[in-house]
Amino acid sequence: MKGINIEEIKKIIPHRSPFLMIDRVSSITPQERISAIKCLSSNEPYLVGHFPSFAVMPGVLIIEAMAQAAAVLALYGNANPEGKIAYFISIDNAKFLKKVVPGDVLKIDIQKVGAKLGLWKFKGEVFVEQDLVCRAEFSAMMA
């Protein structure tokens, strides 16, 4: 298990600010599981309108953070990750259990459920401290 910094993440997935939703990988077991971190700042551009009087991270962006962590897991160790992109195929059983606000540190845990012919299935959970804030199952196609 090793960590991956932001510069290494950028070599693996094509996302860039303001849409890069993970700041670092705290641990990765290639082809099995990954734990990533997102530090939610009050300066995030989407928080200006969601919501002006009480900023809350949109649930869809929490799911996007999960997907980006899963893409790092799927592409990590590939000889040419720059030439690959992970596309969402499905999102199932998504649950949002608590709101995420500026100052929160999201711990994103993703586990590979299976992979066949470029289609990957994942199970993920997102925590703030010890509190589960989101969970989902999802699939992505590596192209």
C-alpha atoms as a PDB file:
ATOM      1  CA  MET A   1       0.000   0.000   0.000  1.00  0.00           C
ATOM      2  CA  LYS A   2       1.375   3.366  -0.947  1.00  0.00           C
ATOM      3  CA  GLY A   3       0.160   6.910  -1.286  1.00  0.00           C
ATOM      4  CA  ILE A   4      -0.095   9.002  -4.440  1.00  0.00           C
ATOM      5  CA  ASN A   5       0.271  12.793  -4.485  1.00  0.00           C
ATOM      6  CA  ILE A   6      -1.707  15.234  -6.642  1.00  0.00           C
ATOM      7  CA  GLU A   7       0.939  15.418  -9.372  1.00  0.00           C
ATOM      8  CA  GLU A   8       0.929  11.632  -9.768  1.00  0.00           C
ATOM      9  CA  ILE A   9      -2.896  11.630  -9.813  1.00  0.00           C
ATOM     10  CA  LYS A  10      -2.796  14.110 -12.721  1.00  0.00           C
ATOM     11  CA  LYS A  11      -0.590  11.688 -14.654  1.00  0.00           C
ATOM     12  CA  ILE A  12      -3.200   8.939 -14.227  1.00  0.00           C
ATOM     13  CA  ILE A  13      -6.542  10.713 -14.813  1.00  0.00           C
ATOM     14  CA  PRO A  14      -7.261  13.687 -17.112  1.00  0.00           C
ATOM     15  CA  HIS A  15      -9.333  15.767 -14.664  1.00  0.00           C
ATOM     16  CA  ARG A  16      -8.069  19.237 -13.729  1.00  0.00           C
ATOM     17  CA  SER A  17      -9.173  22.093 -11.510  1.00  0.00           C
ATOM     18  CA  PRO A  18     -11.917  22.989 -10.889  1.00  0.00           C
ATOM     19  CA  PHE A  19     -13.159  19.462 -11.611  1.00  0.00           C
ATOM     20  CA  LEU A  20     -10.411  17.382 -10.018  1.00  0.00           C
ATOM     21  CA  MET A  21     -12.222  15.993  -6.971  1.00  0.00           C
ATOM     22  CA  ILE A  22      -9.443  14.124  -5.159  1.00  0.00           C
ATOM     23  CA  ASP A  23      -6.401  15.721  -3.538  1.00  0.00           C
ATOM     24  CA  ARG A  24      -4.341  12.645  -2.728  1.00  0.00           C
ATOM     25  CA  VAL A  25      -4.438   8.897  -2.426  1.00  0.00           C
ATOM     26  CA  SER A  26      -3.582   7.715   1.075  1.00  0.00           C
ATOM     27  CA  SER A  27      -3.343   4.041   0.103  1.00  0.00           C
ATOM     28  CA  ILE A  28      -3.815   1.801  -2.886  1.00  0.00           C
ATOM     29  CA  THR A  29      -3.723  -1.942  -3.310  1.00  0.00           C
ATOM     30  CA  PRO A  30      -3.485  -2.238  -7.110  1.00  0.00           C
ATOM     31  CA  GLN A  31      -6.497  -3.821  -8.773  1.00  0.00           C
ATOM     32  CA  GLU A  32      -8.264  -4.206  -5.394  1.00  0.00           C
ATOM     33  CA  ARG A  33      -8.927  -1.064  -3.336  1.00  0.00           C
ATOM     34  CA  ILE A  34      -8.071   2.591  -2.891  1.00  0.00           C
ATOM     35  CA  SER A  35      -8.480   5.266  -0.213  1.00  0.00           C
ATOM     36  CA  ALA A  36      -8.422   8.858  -1.425  1.00  0.00           C
ATOM     37  CA  ILE A  37      -8.802  12.232   0.268  1.00  0.00           C
ATOM     38  CA  LYS A  38     -10.710  15.367  -0.740  1.00  0.00           C
ATOM     39  CA  CYS A  39     -10.248  18.436   1.460  1.00  0.00           C
ATOM     40  CA  LEU A  40     -13.340  20.576   0.926  1.00  0.00           C
ATOM     41  CA  SER A  41     -12.413  24.257   0.896  1.00  0.00           C
ATOM     42  CA  SER A  42     -14.797  27.186   1.112  1.00  0.00           C
ATOM     43  CA  ASN A  43     -13.137  28.397  -2.118  1.00  0.00           C
ATOM     44  CA  GLU A  44     -14.591  25.592  -4.260  1.00  0.00           C
ATOM     45  CA  PRO A  45     -16.286  27.345  -7.223  1.00  0.00           C
ATOM     46  CA  TYR A  46     -19.488  25.253  -7.068  1.00  0.00           C
ATOM     47  CA  LEU A  47     -20.147  26.277  -3.459  1.00  0.00           C
ATOM     48  CA  VAL A  48     -20.905  29.862  -4.553  1.00  0.00           C
ATOM     49  CA  GLY A  49     -24.290  28.722  -5.846  1.00  0.00           C
ATOM     50  CA  HIS A  50     -24.891  25.587  -3.748  1.00  0.00           C
ATOM     51  CA  PHE A  51     -26.050  27.230  -1.525  1.00  0.00           C
ATOM     52  CA  PRO A  52     -25.144  30.925  -1.080  1.00  0.00           C
ATOM     53  CA  SER A  53     -26.300  31.128   2.550  1.00  0.00           C
ATOM     54  CA  PHE A  54     -25.146  27.624   3.585  1.00  0.00           C
ATOM     55  CA  ALA A  55     -22.570  25.897   1.394  1.00  0.00           C
ATOM     56  CA  VAL A  56     -23.090  22.158   0.867  1.00  0.00           C
ATOM     57  CA  MET A  57     -21.093  19.924  -1.486  1.00  0.00           C
ATOM     58  CA  PRO A  58     -23.493  18.606  -4.150  1.00  0.00           C
ATOM     59  CA  GLY A  59     -24.112  14.874  -3.872  1.00  0.00           C
ATOM     60  CA  VAL A  60     -23.338  14.379  -7.540  1.00  0.00           C
ATOM     61  CA  LEU A  61     -19.828  15.745  -6.913  1.00  0.00           C
ATOM     62  CA  ILE A  62     -19.334  13.335  -4.018  1.00  0.00           C
ATOM     63  CA  ILE A  63     -20.167  10.553  -6.468  1.00  0.00           C
ATOM     64  CA  GLU A  64     -17.762  12.127  -8.982  1.00  0.00           C
ATOM     65  CA  ALA A  65     -14.995  12.047  -6.343  1.00  0.00           C
ATOM     66  CA  MET A  66     -15.726   8.342  -5.882  1.00  0.00           C
ATOM     67  CA  ALA A  67     -15.552   7.794  -9.641  1.00  0.00           C
ATOM     68  CA  GLN A  68     -12.230   9.618  -9.932  1.00  0.00           C
ATOM     69  CA  ALA A  69     -10.740   7.530  -7.133  1.00  0.00           C
ATOM     70  CA  ALA A  70     -12.032   4.392  -8.894  1.00  0.00           C
ATOM     71  CA  ALA A  71     -10.450   5.560 -12.165  1.00  0.00           C
ATOM     72  CA  VAL A  72      -7.099   5.960 -10.407  1.00  0.00           C
ATOM     73  CA  LEU A  73      -7.498   2.435  -9.027  1.00  0.00           C
ATOM     74  CA  ALA A  74      -8.316   1.001 -12.468  1.00  0.00           C
ATOM     75  CA  LEU A  75      -5.579   2.880 -14.333  1.00  0.00           C
ATOM     76  CA  TYR A  76      -2.800   2.800 -11.728  1.00  0.00           C
ATOM     77  CA  GLY A  77       0.194   0.882 -12.990  1.00  0.00           C
ATOM     78  CA  ASN A  78      -0.895   1.003 -16.653  1.00  0.00           C
ATOM     79  CA  ALA A  79       2.006   1.616 -19.014  1.00  0.00           C
ATOM     80  CA  ASN A  80       0.112   4.499 -20.658  1.00  0.00           C
ATOM     81  CA  PRO A  81      -2.624   5.865 -18.361  1.00  0.00           C
ATOM     82  CA  GLU A  82      -2.597   9.214 -20.213  1.00  0.00           C
ATOM     83  CA  GLY A  83      -4.225   7.491 -23.179  1.00  0.00           C
ATOM     84  CA  LYS A  84      -7.089   6.010 -21.130  1.00  0.00           C
ATOM     85  CA  ILE A  85     -10.319   7.500 -19.821  1.00  0.00           C
ATOM     86  CA  ALA A  86     -12.888   5.987 -17.467  1.00  0.00           C
ATOM     87  CA  TYR A  87     -16.529   6.624 -18.422  1.00  0.00           C
ATOM     88  CA  PHE A  88     -19.416   6.154 -16.005  1.00  0.00           C
ATOM     89  CA  ILE A  89     -21.777   3.385 -17.082  1.00  0.00           C
ATOM     90  CA  SER A  90     -24.095   3.109 -14.083  1.00  0.00           C
ATOM     91  CA  ILE A  91     -24.679   4.288 -10.528  1.00  0.00           C
ATOM     92  CA  ASP A  92     -26.761   2.074  -8.242  1.00  0.00           C
ATOM     93  CA  ASN A  93     -27.957   2.191  -4.656  1.00  0.00           C
ATOM     94  CA  ALA A  94     -26.521   5.654  -3.989  1.00  0.00           C
ATOM     95  CA  LYS A  95     -27.355   6.963  -0.537  1.00  0.00           C
ATOM     96  CA  PHE A  96     -26.488  10.368   0.901  1.00  0.00           C
ATOM     97  CA  LEU A  97     -26.558  10.165   4.677  1.00  0.00           C
ATOM     98  CA  LYS A  98     -25.127  13.493   5.896  1.00  0.00           C
ATOM     99  CA  LYS A  99     -24.284  16.825   4.338  1.00  0.00           C
ATOM    100  CA  VAL A 100     -20.688  17.722   3.479  1.00  0.00           C
ATOM    101  CA  VAL A 101     -19.628  21.310   4.200  1.00  0.00           C
ATOM    102  CA  PRO A 102     -16.474  23.425   3.797  1.00  0.00           C
ATOM    103  CA  GLY A 103     -13.744  22.334   6.179  1.00  0.00           C
ATOM    104  CA  ASP A 104     -14.713  18.664   5.918  1.00  0.00           C
ATOM    105  CA  VAL A 105     -12.122  16.127   4.832  1.00  0.00           C
ATOM    106  CA  LEU A 106     -13.671  13.352   2.779  1.00  0.00           C
ATOM    107  CA  LYS A 107     -12.127   9.895   3.015  1.00  0.00           C
ATOM    108  CA  ILE A 108     -13.153   8.017  -0.109  1.00  0.00           C
ATOM    109  CA  ASP A 109     -12.894   4.220   0.085  1.00  0.00           C
ATOM    110  CA  ILE A 110     -13.389   2.274  -3.140  1.00  0.00           C
ATOM    111  CA  GLN A 111     -13.265  -1.470  -3.646  1.00  0.00           C
ATOM    112  CA  LYS A 112     -13.218  -3.243  -7.009  1.00  0.00           C
ATOM    113  CA  VAL A 113     -16.070  -5.735  -7.200  1.00  0.00           C
ATOM    114  CA  GLY A 114     -15.172  -7.106 -10.626  1.00  0.00           C
ATOM    115  CA  ALA A 115     -13.730  -6.359 -14.054  1.00  0.00           C
ATOM    116  CA  LYS A 116     -14.336  -7.940 -17.438  1.00  0.00           C
ATOM    117  CA  LEU A 117     -13.643  -6.731 -20.976  1.00  0.00           C
ATOM    118  CA  GLY A 118     -12.898  -3.166 -19.861  1.00  0.00           C
ATOM    119  CA  LEU A 119     -16.024  -2.869 -17.690  1.00  0.00           C
ATOM    120  CA  TRP A 120     -15.234  -2.358 -14.008  1.00  0.00           C
ATOM    121  CA  LYS A 121     -17.653  -2.577 -11.088  1.00  0.00           C
ATOM    122  CA  PHE A 122     -16.996  -0.807  -7.810  1.00  0.00           C
ATOM    123  CA  LYS A 123     -18.432  -0.353  -4.344  1.00  0.00           C
ATOM    124  CA  GLY A 124     -17.642   2.869  -2.523  1.00  0.00           C
ATOM    125  CA  GLU A 125     -18.119   4.689   0.753  1.00  0.00           C
ATOM    126  CA  VAL A 126     -17.268   8.243   1.750  1.00  0.00           C
ATOM    127  CA  PHE A 127     -16.602   9.259   5.334  1.00  0.00           C
ATOM    128  CA  VAL A 128     -16.119  12.560   7.140  1.00  0.00           C
ATOM    129  CA  GLU A 129     -14.248  11.642  10.297  1.00  0.00           C
ATOM    130  CA  GLN A 130     -16.041   8.433  11.401  1.00  0.00           C
ATOM    131  CA  ASP A 131     -19.384   9.371   9.858  1.00  0.00           C
ATOM    132  CA  LEU A 132     -20.516   7.632   6.664  1.00  0.00           C
ATOM    133  CA  VAL A 133     -21.828  10.412   4.395  1.00  0.00           C
ATOM    134  CA  CYS A 134     -22.350   8.545   1.119  1.00  0.00           C
ATOM    135  CA  ARG A 135     -22.261   5.058  -0.351  1.00  0.00           C
ATOM    136  CA  ALA A 136     -22.880   3.733  -3.845  1.00  0.00           C
ATOM    137  CA  GLU A 137     -22.213   0.959  -6.323  1.00  0.00           C
ATOM    138  CA  PHE A 138     -21.160   1.975  -9.804  1.00  0.00           C
ATOM    139  CA  SER A 139     -19.640   0.798 -13.065  1.00  0.00           C
ATOM    140  CA  ALA A 140     -17.204   2.378 -15.475  1.00  0.00           C
ATOM    141  CA  MET A 141     -15.847   1.524 -18.901  1.00  0.00           C
ATOM    142  CA  MET A 142     -12.145   2.016 -19.529  1.00  0.00           C
ATOM    143  CA  ALA A 143     -11.539   3.375 -23.041  1.00  0.00           C
END
